[in-house]
């Protein structure tokens, strides 16, 4: 996908955010989590990261049930993003639904780790 097409796709994904993405964005936006700035649906290489903190080089991916069948694809995506210098953490949608505070604590702990 060309860069301009990726940007258009990312913008569309922001508008069409899932309920779970909106729920996490409410925690991450406006530097609410530890003072870290996040962006959502950020194009990186050939992928679009669900959420990314550029300062900490941390990507947060939310995965629903459809990802059970795409584990190989997700693994390739993670390897490419890591090769670009990012750390990637993933949460299942159910993790967020069942324990938003716990997910926020896990993200904050990752943000405070020294960059590799």
PDB file of N, CA and C in Angstrom:
ATOM      1  N   UNK A   1       0.854  -1.183   0.000  1.00  0.00           N
ATOM      2  CA  UNK A   1       0.000   0.000   0.000  1.00  0.00           C
ATOM      3  C   UNK A   1       0.901   1.247   0.000  1.00  0.00           C
ATOM      4  N   UNK A   2       0.597   2.187  -0.859  1.00  0.00           N
ATOM      5  CA  UNK A   2       1.352   3.432  -0.942  1.00  0.00           C
ATOM      6  C   UNK A   2       1.163   4.255   0.330  1.00  0.00           C
ATOM      7  N   UNK A   3       2.177   5.110   0.643  1.00  0.00           N
ATOM      8  CA  UNK A   3       2.059   5.922   1.868  1.00  0.00           C
ATOM      9  C   UNK A   3       0.776   6.736   1.939  1.00  0.00           C
ATOM     10  N   UNK A   4       0.368   7.375   0.852  1.00  0.00           N
ATOM     11  CA  UNK A   4      -0.851   8.188   0.907  1.00  0.00           C
ATOM     12  C   UNK A   4      -2.084   7.316   1.150  1.00  0.00           C
ATOM     13  N   UNK A   5      -2.089   6.107   0.605  1.00  0.00           N
ATOM     14  CA  UNK A   5      -3.204   5.183   0.836  1.00  0.00           C
ATOM     15  C   UNK A   5      -3.213   4.723   2.286  1.00  0.00           C
ATOM     16  N   UNK A   6      -2.024   4.488   2.862  1.00  0.00           N
ATOM     17  CA  UNK A   6      -1.940   4.092   4.280  1.00  0.00           C
ATOM     18  C   UNK A   6      -2.471   5.195   5.178  1.00  0.00           C
ATOM     19  N   UNK A   7      -2.145   6.447   4.837  1.00  0.00           N
ATOM     20  CA  UNK A   7      -2.626   7.577   5.636  1.00  0.00           C
ATOM     21  C   UNK A   7      -4.142   7.677   5.552  1.00  0.00           C
ATOM     22  N   UNK A   8      -4.695   7.539   4.358  1.00  0.00           N
ATOM     23  CA  UNK A   8      -6.157   7.561   4.215  1.00  0.00           C
ATOM     24  C   UNK A   8      -6.790   6.415   5.004  1.00  0.00           C
ATOM     25  N   UNK A   9      -6.188   5.238   4.936  1.00  0.00           N
ATOM     26  CA  UNK A   9      -6.711   4.070   5.665  1.00  0.00           C
ATOM     27  C   UNK A   9      -6.667   4.325   7.175  1.00  0.00           C
ATOM     28  N   UNK A  10      -5.550   4.894   7.657  1.00  0.00           N
ATOM     29  CA  UNK A  10      -5.413   5.194   9.089  1.00  0.00           C
ATOM     30  C   UNK A  10      -6.481   6.181   9.535  1.00  0.00           C
ATOM     31  N   UNK A  11      -6.725   7.192   8.735  1.00  0.00           N
ATOM     32  CA  UNK A  11      -7.769   8.174   9.075  1.00  0.00           C
ATOM     33  C   UNK A  11      -9.136   7.504   9.155  1.00  0.00           C
ATOM     34  N   UNK A  12      -9.394   6.612   8.196  1.00  0.00           N
ATOM     35  CA  UNK A  12     -10.661   5.886   8.209  1.00  0.00           C
ATOM     36  C   UNK A  12     -10.798   5.012   9.440  1.00  0.00           C
ATOM     37  N   UNK A  13      -9.707   4.371   9.849  1.00  0.00           N
ATOM     38  CA  UNK A  13      -9.743   3.518  11.042  1.00  0.00           C
ATOM     39  C   UNK A  13     -10.004   4.337  12.300  1.00  0.00           C
ATOM     40  N   UNK A  14      -9.496   5.563  12.347  1.00  0.00           N
ATOM     41  CA  UNK A  14      -9.762   6.421  13.505  1.00  0.00           C
ATOM     42  C   UNK A  14     -11.251   6.725  13.616  1.00  0.00           C
ATOM     43  N   UNK A  15     -11.866   6.998  12.484  1.00  0.00           N
ATOM     44  CA  UNK A  15     -13.306   7.305  12.454  1.00  0.00           C
ATOM     45  C   UNK A  15     -14.120   6.065  12.816  1.00  0.00           C
ATOM     46  N   UNK A  16     -13.675   4.901  12.363  1.00  0.00           N
ATOM     47  CA  UNK A  16     -14.420   3.655  12.553  1.00  0.00           C
ATOM     48  C   UNK A  16     -13.922   2.851  13.756  1.00  0.00           C
ATOM     49  N   UNK A  17     -13.370   3.506  14.746  1.00  0.00           N
ATOM     50  CA  UNK A  17     -12.817   2.808  15.907  1.00  0.00           C
ATOM     51  C   UNK A  17     -13.855   1.900  16.560  1.00  0.00           C
ATOM     52  N   UNK A  18     -13.377   0.756  17.045  1.00  0.00           N
ATOM     53  CA  UNK A  18     -14.260  -0.161  17.764  1.00  0.00           C
ATOM     54  C   UNK A  18     -14.528   0.390  19.156  1.00  0.00           C
ATOM     55  N   UNK A  19     -15.520  -0.160  19.828  1.00  0.00           N
ATOM     56  CA  UNK A  19     -15.819   0.264  21.201  1.00  0.00           C
ATOM     57  C   UNK A  19     -14.610   0.049  22.108  1.00  0.00           C
ATOM     58  N   UNK A  20     -13.910  -1.055  21.914  1.00  0.00           N
ATOM     59  CA  UNK A  20     -12.745  -1.366  22.755  1.00  0.00           C
ATOM     60  C   UNK A  20     -11.626  -0.365  22.483  1.00  0.00           C
ATOM     61  N   UNK A  21     -11.413  -0.014  21.216  1.00  0.00           N
ATOM     62  CA  UNK A  21     -10.397   0.995  20.892  1.00  0.00           C
ATOM     63  C   UNK A  21     -10.755   2.343  21.511  1.00  0.00           C
ATOM     64  N   UNK A  22     -12.022   2.705  21.456  1.00  0.00           N
ATOM     65  CA  UNK A  22     -12.453   3.976  22.072  1.00  0.00           C
ATOM     66  C   UNK A  22     -12.218   3.953  23.579  1.00  0.00           C
ATOM     67  N   UNK A  23     -12.473   2.818  24.177  1.00  0.00           N
ATOM     68  CA  UNK A  23     -12.294   2.679  25.629  1.00  0.00           C
ATOM     69  C   UNK A  23     -10.822   2.883  26.011  1.00  0.00           C
ATOM     70  N   UNK A  24      -9.912   2.262  25.259  1.00  0.00           N
ATOM     71  CA  UNK A  24      -8.490   2.432  25.560  1.00  0.00           C
ATOM     72  C   UNK A  24      -8.037   3.849  25.219  1.00  0.00           C
ATOM     73  N   UNK A  25      -8.517   4.406  24.129  1.00  0.00           N
ATOM     74  CA  UNK A  25      -8.141   5.763  23.746  1.00  0.00           C
ATOM     75  C   UNK A  25      -8.530   6.763  24.826  1.00  0.00           C
ATOM     76  N   UNK A  26      -9.649   6.529  25.504  1.00  0.00           N
ATOM     77  CA  UNK A  26     -10.074   7.416  26.587  1.00  0.00           C
ATOM     78  C   UNK A  26      -9.051   7.447  27.721  1.00  0.00           C
ATOM     79  N   UNK A  27      -8.289   6.373  27.871  1.00  0.00           N
ATOM     80  CA  UNK A  27      -7.252   6.289  28.912  1.00  0.00           C
ATOM     81  C   UNK A  27      -5.930   6.886  28.418  1.00  0.00           C
ATOM     82  N   UNK A  28      -5.640   6.720  27.124  1.00  0.00           N
ATOM     83  CA  UNK A  28      -4.339   7.113  26.584  1.00  0.00           C
ATOM     84  C   UNK A  28      -4.273   8.566  26.106  1.00  0.00           C
ATOM     85  N   UNK A  29      -5.388   9.107  25.672  1.00  0.00           N
ATOM     86  CA  UNK A  29      -5.364  10.424  25.029  1.00  0.00           C
ATOM     87  C   UNK A  29      -5.001  11.534  26.016  1.00  0.00           C
ATOM     88  N   UNK A  30      -4.517  12.624  25.469  1.00  0.00           N
ATOM     89  CA  UNK A  30      -4.243  13.854  26.236  1.00  0.00           C
ATOM     90  C   UNK A  30      -3.247  13.622  27.379  1.00  0.00           C
ATOM     91  N   UNK A  31      -2.279  12.737  27.135  1.00  0.00           N
ATOM     92  CA  UNK A  31      -1.199  12.480  28.119  1.00  0.00           C
ATOM     93  C   UNK A  31      -1.718  12.048  29.486  1.00  0.00           C
ATOM     94  N   UNK A  32      -2.847  11.367  29.519  1.00  0.00           N
ATOM     95  CA  UNK A  32      -3.446  10.949  30.785  1.00  0.00           C
ATOM     96  C   UNK A  32      -2.702   9.807  31.455  1.00  0.00           C
ATOM     97  N   UNK A  33      -1.956   9.029  30.684  1.00  0.00           N
ATOM     98  CA  UNK A  33      -1.265   7.874  31.258  1.00  0.00           C
ATOM     99  C   UNK A  33       0.214   8.212  31.423  1.00  0.00           C
ATOM    100  N   UNK A  34       0.575   8.602  32.627  1.00  0.00           N
ATOM    101  CA  UNK A  34       1.976   8.876  32.951  1.00  0.00           C
ATOM    102  C   UNK A  34       2.576  10.057  32.207  1.00  0.00           C
ATOM    103  N   UNK A  35       1.752  10.884  31.593  1.00  0.00           N
ATOM    104  CA  UNK A  35       2.255  12.037  30.862  1.00  0.00           C
ATOM    105  C   UNK A  35       2.770  11.697  29.464  1.00  0.00           C
ATOM    106  N   UNK A  36       2.575  10.461  29.020  1.00  0.00           N
ATOM    107  CA  UNK A  36       3.055  10.033  27.705  1.00  0.00           C
ATOM    108  C   UNK A  36       2.031  10.372  26.630  1.00  0.00           C
ATOM    109  N   UNK A  37       2.528  10.845  25.490  1.00  0.00           N
ATOM    110  CA  UNK A  37       1.660  11.195  24.363  1.00  0.00           C
ATOM    111  C   UNK A  37       1.499   9.975  23.451  1.00  0.00           C
ATOM    112  N   UNK A  38       0.270   9.663  23.129  1.00  0.00           N
ATOM    113  CA  UNK A  38      -0.041   8.552  22.228  1.00  0.00           C
ATOM    114  C   UNK A  38      -0.691   9.068  20.962  1.00  0.00           C
ATOM    115  N   UNK A  39      -0.482   8.308  19.904  1.00  0.00           N
ATOM    116  CA  UNK A  39      -1.181   8.526  18.642  1.00  0.00           C
ATOM    117  C   UNK A  39      -1.932   7.252  18.345  1.00  0.00           C
ATOM    118  N   UNK A  40      -3.035   7.373  17.633  1.00  0.00           N
ATOM    119  CA  UNK A  40      -3.791   6.172  17.289  1.00  0.00           C
ATOM    120  C   UNK A  40      -3.792   5.988  15.782  1.00  0.00           C
ATOM    121  N   UNK A  41      -3.827   4.725  15.388  1.00  0.00           N
ATOM    122  CA  UNK A  41      -3.822   4.348  13.974  1.00  0.00           C
ATOM    123  C   UNK A  41      -2.661   5.043  13.252  1.00  0.00           C
ATOM    124  N   UNK A  42      -1.460   4.789  13.742  1.00  0.00           N
ATOM    125  CA  UNK A  42      -0.251   5.415  13.203  1.00  0.00           C
ATOM    126  C   UNK A  42       0.390   4.513  12.149  1.00  0.00           C
ATOM    127  N   UNK A  43       0.524   4.999  10.912  1.00  0.00           N
ATOM    128  CA  UNK A  43       1.216   4.200   9.890  1.00  0.00           C
ATOM    129  C   UNK A  43       2.706   4.078  10.225  1.00  0.00           C
ATOM    130  N   UNK A  44       3.183   2.843  10.274  1.00  0.00           N
ATOM    131  CA  UNK A  44       4.598   2.561  10.511  1.00  0.00           C
ATOM    132  C   UNK A  44       4.988   1.458   9.537  1.00  0.00           C
ATOM    133  N   UNK A  45       5.975   1.755   8.693  1.00  0.00           N
ATOM    134  CA  UNK A  45       6.390   0.824   7.656  1.00  0.00           C
ATOM    135  C   UNK A  45       5.164   0.468   6.834  1.00  0.00           C
ATOM    136  N   UNK A  46       4.860  -0.807   6.679  1.00  0.00           N
ATOM    137  CA  UNK A  46       3.696  -1.197   5.865  1.00  0.00           C
ATOM    138  C   UNK A  46       2.460  -1.491   6.704  1.00  0.00           C
ATOM    139  N   UNK A  47       2.538  -1.216   7.989  1.00  0.00           N
ATOM    140  CA  UNK A  47       1.433  -1.515   8.905  1.00  0.00           C
ATOM    141  C   UNK A  47       0.854  -0.242   9.494  1.00  0.00           C
ATOM    142  N   UNK A  48      -0.285  -0.395  10.149  1.00  0.00           N
ATOM    143  CA  UNK A  48      -0.897   0.704  10.889  1.00  0.00           C
ATOM    144  C   UNK A  48      -1.053   0.225  12.327  1.00  0.00           C
ATOM    145  N   UNK A  49      -0.300   0.870  13.226  1.00  0.00           N
ATOM    146  CA  UNK A  49      -0.338   0.501  14.641  1.00  0.00           C
ATOM    147  C   UNK A  49      -1.611   1.032  15.275  1.00  0.00           C
ATOM    148  N   UNK A  50      -2.256   0.216  16.112  1.00  0.00           N
ATOM    149  CA  UNK A  50      -3.473   0.670  16.794  1.00  0.00           C
ATOM    150  C   UNK A  50      -3.189   1.921  17.621  1.00  0.00           C
ATOM    151  N   UNK A  51      -2.178   1.843  18.490  1.00  0.00           N
ATOM    152  CA  UNK A  51      -1.775   2.968  19.332  1.00  0.00           C
ATOM    153  C   UNK A  51      -0.256   2.974  19.407  1.00  0.00           C
ATOM    154  N   UNK A  52       0.338   4.159  19.443  1.00  0.00           N
ATOM    155  CA  UNK A  52       1.795   4.239  19.518  1.00  0.00           C
ATOM    156  C   UNK A  52       2.219   5.447  20.336  1.00  0.00           C
ATOM    157  N   UNK A  53       3.230   5.229  21.162  1.00  0.00           N
ATOM    158  CA  UNK A  53       3.880   6.311  21.890  1.00  0.00           C
ATOM    159  C   UNK A  53       5.253   6.467  21.239  1.00  0.00           C
ATOM    160  N   UNK A  54       5.424   7.528  20.469  1.00  0.00           N
ATOM    161  CA  UNK A  54       6.666   7.735  19.728  1.00  0.00           C
ATOM    162  C   UNK A  54       7.833   7.914  20.700  1.00  0.00           C
ATOM    163  N   UNK A  55       7.618   8.681  21.744  1.00  0.00           N
ATOM    164  CA  UNK A  55       8.658   8.960  22.737  1.00  0.00           C
ATOM    165  C   UNK A  55       9.252   7.676  23.323  1.00  0.00           C
ATOM    166  N   UNK A  56       8.408   6.717  23.650  1.00  0.00           N
ATOM    167  CA  UNK A  56       8.862   5.461  24.254  1.00  0.00           C
ATOM    168  C   UNK A  56       9.068   4.359  23.214  1.00  0.00           C
ATOM    169  N   UNK A  57       8.760   4.654  21.927  1.00  0.00           N
ATOM    170  CA  UNK A  57       8.869   3.664  20.851  1.00  0.00           C
ATOM    171  C   UNK A  57       8.076   2.407  21.202  1.00  0.00           C
ATOM    172  N   UNK A  58       6.856   2.628  21.695  1.00  0.00           N
ATOM    173  CA  UNK A  58       5.986   1.538  22.137  1.00  0.00           C
ATOM    174  C   UNK A  58       4.709   1.520  21.319  1.00  0.00           C
ATOM    175  N   UNK A  59       4.380   0.347  20.806  1.00  0.00           N
ATOM    176  CA  UNK A  59       3.141   0.129  20.065  1.00  0.00           C
ATOM    177  C   UNK A  59       2.243  -0.762  20.901  1.00  0.00           C
ATOM    178  N   UNK A  60       0.963  -0.411  20.948  1.00  0.00           N
ATOM    179  CA  UNK A  60      -0.038  -1.231  21.625  1.00  0.00           C
ATOM    180  C   UNK A  60      -1.004  -1.735  20.565  1.00  0.00           C
ATOM    181  N   UNK A  61      -1.148  -3.030  20.491  1.00  0.00           N
ATOM    182  CA  UNK A  61      -2.071  -3.658  19.546  1.00  0.00           C
ATOM    183  C   UNK A  61      -3.208  -4.303  20.330  1.00  0.00           C
ATOM    184  N   UNK A  62      -4.427  -4.064  19.885  1.00  0.00           N
ATOM    185  CA  UNK A  62      -5.602  -4.718  20.457  1.00  0.00           C
ATOM    186  C   UNK A  62      -6.065  -5.775  19.475  1.00  0.00           C
ATOM    187  N   UNK A  63      -6.235  -6.967  19.973  1.00  0.00           N
ATOM    188  CA  UNK A  63      -6.602  -8.073  19.098  1.00  0.00           C
ATOM    189  C   UNK A  63      -7.916  -8.695  19.542  1.00  0.00           C
ATOM    190  N   UNK A  64      -8.807  -8.862  18.583  1.00  0.00           N
ATOM    191  CA  UNK A  64     -10.073  -9.548  18.819  1.00  0.00           C
ATOM    192  C   UNK A  64      -9.969 -10.988  18.366  1.00  0.00           C
ATOM    193  N   UNK A  65     -11.072 -11.688  18.382  1.00  0.00           N
ATOM    194  CA  UNK A  65     -11.119 -13.103  18.032  1.00  0.00           C
ATOM    195  C   UNK A  65     -10.617 -13.417  16.643  1.00  0.00           C
ATOM    196  N   UNK A  66     -10.731 -12.462  15.695  1.00  0.00           N
ATOM    197  CA  UNK A  66     -10.279 -12.716  14.328  1.00  0.00           C
ATOM    198  C   UNK A  66      -8.773 -12.964  14.276  1.00  0.00           C
ATOM    199  N   UNK A  67      -8.038 -12.519  15.284  1.00  0.00           N
ATOM    200  CA  UNK A  67      -6.588 -12.700  15.287  1.00  0.00           C
ATOM    201  C   UNK A  67      -6.170 -14.119  15.659  1.00  0.00           C
ATOM    202  N   UNK A  68      -7.090 -14.907  16.185  1.00  0.00           N
ATOM    203  CA  UNK A  68      -6.765 -16.303  16.480  1.00  0.00           C
ATOM    204  C   UNK A  68      -6.352 -17.050  15.214  1.00  0.00           C
ATOM    205  N   UNK A  69      -6.970 -16.702  14.115  1.00  0.00           N
ATOM    206  CA  UNK A  69      -6.667 -17.358  12.839  1.00  0.00           C
ATOM    207  C   UNK A  69      -5.509 -16.701  12.098  1.00  0.00           C
ATOM    208  N   UNK A  70      -5.019 -15.583  12.612  1.00  0.00           N
ATOM    209  CA  UNK A  70      -3.962 -14.832  11.929  1.00  0.00           C
ATOM    210  C   UNK A  70      -2.699 -14.702  12.763  1.00  0.00           C
ATOM    211  N   UNK A  71      -2.407 -15.678  13.588  1.00  0.00           N
ATOM    212  CA  UNK A  71      -1.248 -15.593  14.484  1.00  0.00           C
ATOM    213  C   UNK A  71       0.051 -15.413  13.708  1.00  0.00           C
ATOM    214  N   UNK A  72       0.217 -16.108  12.578  1.00  0.00           N
ATOM    215  CA  UNK A  72       1.436 -15.972  11.783  1.00  0.00           C
ATOM    216  C   UNK A  72       1.583 -14.555  11.238  1.00  0.00           C
ATOM    217  N   UNK A  73       0.491 -14.001  10.773  1.00  0.00           N
ATOM    218  CA  UNK A  73       0.513 -12.633  10.239  1.00  0.00           C
ATOM    219  C   UNK A  73       0.870 -11.649  11.348  1.00  0.00           C
ATOM    220  N   UNK A  74       0.289 -11.831  12.520  1.00  0.00           N
ATOM    221  CA  UNK A  74       0.580 -10.953  13.649  1.00  0.00           C
ATOM    222  C   UNK A  74       2.047 -11.051  14.057  1.00  0.00           C
ATOM    223  N   UNK A  75       2.584 -12.253  14.029  1.00  0.00           N
ATOM    224  CA  UNK A  75       3.987 -12.461  14.366  1.00  0.00           C
ATOM    225  C   UNK A  75       4.904 -11.743  13.374  1.00  0.00           C
ATOM    226  N   UNK A  76       4.578 -11.843  12.077  1.00  0.00           N
ATOM    227  CA  UNK A  76       5.362 -11.140  11.045  1.00  0.00           C
ATOM    228  C   UNK A  76       5.283  -9.628  11.266  1.00  0.00           C
ATOM    229  N   UNK A  77       4.092  -9.123  11.542  1.00  0.00           N
ATOM    230  CA  UNK A  77       3.912  -7.693  11.800  1.00  0.00           C
ATOM    231  C   UNK A  77       4.788  -7.256  12.975  1.00  0.00           C
ATOM    232  N   UNK A  78       4.763  -8.032  14.040  1.00  0.00           N
ATOM    233  CA  UNK A  78       5.560  -7.681  15.214  1.00  0.00           C
ATOM    234  C   UNK A  78       7.043  -7.666  14.876  1.00  0.00           C
ATOM    235  N   UNK A  79       7.525  -8.658  14.134  1.00  0.00           N
ATOM    236  CA  UNK A  79       8.942  -8.695  13.757  1.00  0.00           C
ATOM    237  C   UNK A  79       9.338  -7.476  12.918  1.00  0.00           C
ATOM    238  N   UNK A  80       8.501  -7.096  11.975  1.00  0.00           N
ATOM    239  CA  UNK A  80       8.795  -5.925  11.134  1.00  0.00           C
ATOM    240  C   UNK A  80       8.837  -4.658  11.992  1.00  0.00           C
ATOM    241  N   UNK A  81       7.848  -4.483  12.857  1.00  0.00           N
ATOM    242  CA  UNK A  81       7.802  -3.289  13.704  1.00  0.00           C
ATOM    243  C   UNK A  81       8.987  -3.244  14.667  1.00  0.00           C
ATOM    244  N   UNK A  82       9.368  -4.383  15.211  1.00  0.00           N
ATOM    245  CA  UNK A  82      10.537  -4.437  16.091  1.00  0.00           C
ATOM    246  C   UNK A  82      11.812  -4.115  15.314  1.00  0.00           C
ATOM    247  N   UNK A  83      11.906  -4.567  14.082  1.00  0.00           N
ATOM    248  CA  UNK A  83      13.058  -4.254  13.238  1.00  0.00           C
ATOM    249  C   UNK A  83      13.135  -2.752  12.952  1.00  0.00           C
ATOM    250  N   UNK A  84      12.007  -2.080  13.023  1.00  0.00           N
ATOM    251  CA  UNK A  84      11.961  -0.621  12.839  1.00  0.00           C
ATOM    252  C   UNK A  84      12.274   0.122  14.141  1.00  0.00           C
ATOM    253  N   UNK A  85      12.570  -0.622  15.199  1.00  0.00           N
ATOM    254  CA  UNK A  85      12.953   0.003  16.464  1.00  0.00           C
ATOM    255  C   UNK A  85      11.835   0.203  17.472  1.00  0.00           C
ATOM    256  N   UNK A  86      10.715  -0.465  17.280  1.00  0.00           N
ATOM    257  CA  UNK A  86       9.580  -0.342  18.190  1.00  0.00           C
ATOM    258  C   UNK A  86       9.465  -1.571  19.076  1.00  0.00           C
ATOM    259  N   UNK A  87       8.925  -1.378  20.273  1.00  0.00           N
ATOM    260  CA  UNK A  87       8.495  -2.496  21.122  1.00  0.00           C
ATOM    261  C   UNK A  87       7.001  -2.644  20.896  1.00  0.00           C
ATOM    262  N   UNK A  88       6.529  -3.861  20.867  1.00  0.00           N
ATOM    263  CA  UNK A  88       5.113  -4.115  20.603  1.00  0.00           C
ATOM    264  C   UNK A  88       4.535  -4.925  21.756  1.00  0.00           C
ATOM    265  N   UNK A  89       3.435  -4.447  22.310  1.00  0.00           N
ATOM    266  CA  UNK A  89       2.701  -5.240  23.291  1.00  0.00           C
ATOM    267  C   UNK A  89       1.280  -5.421  22.771  1.00  0.00           C
ATOM    268  N   UNK A  90       0.730  -6.579  23.060  1.00  0.00           N
ATOM    269  CA  UNK A  90      -0.601  -6.902  22.549  1.00  0.00           C
ATOM    270  C   UNK A  90      -1.516  -7.268  23.697  1.00  0.00           C
ATOM    271  N   UNK A  91      -2.750  -6.874  23.549  1.00  0.00           N
ATOM    272  CA  UNK A  91      -3.791  -7.238  24.502  1.00  0.00           C
ATOM    273  C   UNK A  91      -4.981  -7.766  23.725  1.00  0.00           C
ATOM    274  N   UNK A  92      -5.635  -8.740  24.289  1.00  0.00           N
ATOM    275  CA  UNK A  92      -6.892  -9.218  23.726  1.00  0.00           C
ATOM    276  C   UNK A  92      -7.973  -8.222  24.114  1.00  0.00           C
ATOM    277  N   UNK A  93      -8.947  -8.052  23.264  1.00  0.00           N
ATOM    278  CA  UNK A  93     -10.075  -7.177  23.580  1.00  0.00           C
ATOM    279  C   UNK A  93     -10.693  -7.547  24.922  1.00  0.00           C
ATOM    280  N   UNK A  94     -10.792  -8.839  25.197  1.00  0.00           N
ATOM    281  CA  UNK A  94     -11.398  -9.275  26.459  1.00  0.00           C
ATOM    282  C   UNK A  94     -10.573  -8.824  27.663  1.00  0.00           C
ATOM    283  N   UNK A  95      -9.231  -8.726  27.520  1.00  0.00           N
ATOM    284  CA  UNK A  95      -8.389  -8.215  28.616  1.00  0.00           C
ATOM    285  C   UNK A  95      -8.823  -6.804  28.975  1.00  0.00           C
ATOM    286  N   UNK A  96      -9.046  -6.014  27.954  1.00  0.00           N
ATOM    287  CA  UNK A  96      -9.415  -4.622  28.153  1.00  0.00           C
ATOM    288  C   UNK A  96     -10.816  -4.495  28.737  1.00  0.00           C
ATOM    289  N   UNK A  97     -11.731  -5.312  28.242  1.00  0.00           N
ATOM    290  CA  UNK A  97     -13.112  -5.279  28.723  1.00  0.00           C
ATOM    291  C   UNK A  97     -13.187  -5.720  30.179  1.00  0.00           C
ATOM    292  N   UNK A  98     -12.435  -6.771  30.521  1.00  0.00           N
ATOM    293  CA  UNK A  98     -12.490  -7.340  31.870  1.00  0.00           C
ATOM    294  C   UNK A  98     -11.670  -6.566  32.896  1.00  0.00           C
ATOM    295  N   UNK A  99     -10.579  -5.910  32.458  1.00  0.00           N
ATOM    296  CA  UNK A  99      -9.680  -5.283  33.432  1.00  0.00           C
ATOM    297  C   UNK A  99      -8.941  -4.093  32.819  1.00  0.00           C
ATOM    298  N   UNK A 100      -9.662  -3.042  32.517  1.00  0.00           N
ATOM    299  CA  UNK A 100      -9.065  -1.850  31.910  1.00  0.00           C
ATOM    300  C   UNK A 100      -7.958  -1.275  32.802  1.00  0.00           C
ATOM    301  N   UNK A 101      -8.182  -1.236  34.112  1.00  0.00           N
ATOM    302  CA  UNK A 101      -7.169  -0.686  35.020  1.00  0.00           C
ATOM    303  C   UNK A 101      -5.889  -1.523  34.974  1.00  0.00           C
ATOM    304  N   UNK A 102      -6.032  -2.836  34.910  1.00  0.00           N
ATOM    305  CA  UNK A 102      -4.865  -3.712  34.826  1.00  0.00           C
ATOM    306  C   UNK A 102      -4.103  -3.511  33.522  1.00  0.00           C
ATOM    307  N   UNK A 103      -4.817  -3.349  32.431  1.00  0.00           N
ATOM    308  CA  UNK A 103      -4.172  -3.088  31.134  1.00  0.00           C
ATOM    309  C   UNK A 103      -3.427  -1.757  31.200  1.00  0.00           C
ATOM    310  N   UNK A 104      -4.045  -0.742  31.775  1.00  0.00           N
ATOM    311  CA  UNK A 104      -3.392   0.572  31.905  1.00  0.00           C
ATOM    312  C   UNK A 104      -2.123   0.455  32.749  1.00  0.00           C
ATOM    313  N   UNK A 105      -2.173  -0.316  33.825  1.00  0.00           N
ATOM    314  CA  UNK A 105      -0.971  -0.518  34.662  1.00  0.00           C
ATOM    315  C   UNK A 105       0.130  -1.218  33.870  1.00  0.00           C
ATOM    316  N   UNK A 106      -0.238  -2.234  33.080  1.00  0.00           N
ATOM    317  CA  UNK A 106       0.743  -2.951  32.266  1.00  0.00           C
ATOM    318  C   UNK A 106       1.380  -2.034  31.229  1.00  0.00           C
ATOM    319  N   UNK A 107       0.574  -1.190  30.598  1.00  0.00           N
ATOM    320  CA  UNK A 107       1.096  -0.252  29.600  1.00  0.00           C
ATOM    321  C   UNK A 107       2.048   0.735  30.261  1.00  0.00           C
ATOM    322  N   UNK A 108       1.646   1.278  31.401  1.00  0.00           N
ATOM    323  CA  UNK A 108       2.491   2.235  32.114  1.00  0.00           C
ATOM    324  C   UNK A 108       3.819   1.601  32.510  1.00  0.00           C
ATOM    325  N   UNK A 109       3.789   0.360  32.956  1.00  0.00           N
ATOM    326  CA  UNK A 109       5.028  -0.346  33.311  1.00  0.00           C
ATOM    327  C   UNK A 109       5.941  -0.465  32.085  1.00  0.00           C
ATOM    328  N   UNK A 110       5.367  -0.780  30.929  1.00  0.00           N
ATOM    329  CA  UNK A 110       6.154  -0.868  29.689  1.00  0.00           C
ATOM    330  C   UNK A 110       6.732   0.492  29.304  1.00  0.00           C
ATOM    331  N   UNK A 111       5.964   1.533  29.483  1.00  0.00           N
ATOM    332  CA  UNK A 111       6.418   2.875  29.133  1.00  0.00           C
ATOM    333  C   UNK A 111       7.615   3.291  29.971  1.00  0.00           C
ATOM    334  N   UNK A 112       7.666   2.814  31.185  1.00  0.00           N
ATOM    335  CA  UNK A 112       8.736   3.215  32.104  1.00  0.00           C
ATOM    336  C   UNK A 112      10.001   2.375  31.940  1.00  0.00           C
ATOM    337  N   UNK A 113       9.927   1.310  31.123  1.00  0.00           N
ATOM    338  CA  UNK A 113      11.124   0.510  30.854  1.00  0.00           C
ATOM    339  C   UNK A 113      12.090   1.323  29.999  1.00  0.00           C
ATOM    340  N   UNK A 114      13.396   1.152  30.232  1.00  0.00           N
ATOM    341  CA  UNK A 114      14.349   1.874  29.380  1.00  0.00           C
ATOM    342  C   UNK A 114      14.262   1.387  27.943  1.00  0.00           C
ATOM    343  N   UNK A 115      14.437   2.297  27.007  1.00  0.00           N
ATOM    344  CA  UNK A 115      14.417   1.935  25.581  1.00  0.00           C
ATOM    345  C   UNK A 115      15.598   1.042  25.268  1.00  0.00           C
ATOM    346  N   UNK A 116      15.362   0.077  24.388  1.00  0.00           N
ATOM    347  CA  UNK A 116      16.438  -0.879  24.035  1.00  0.00           C
ATOM    348  C   UNK A 116      17.436  -0.251  23.086  1.00  0.00           C
TER     349      UNK A 116
END
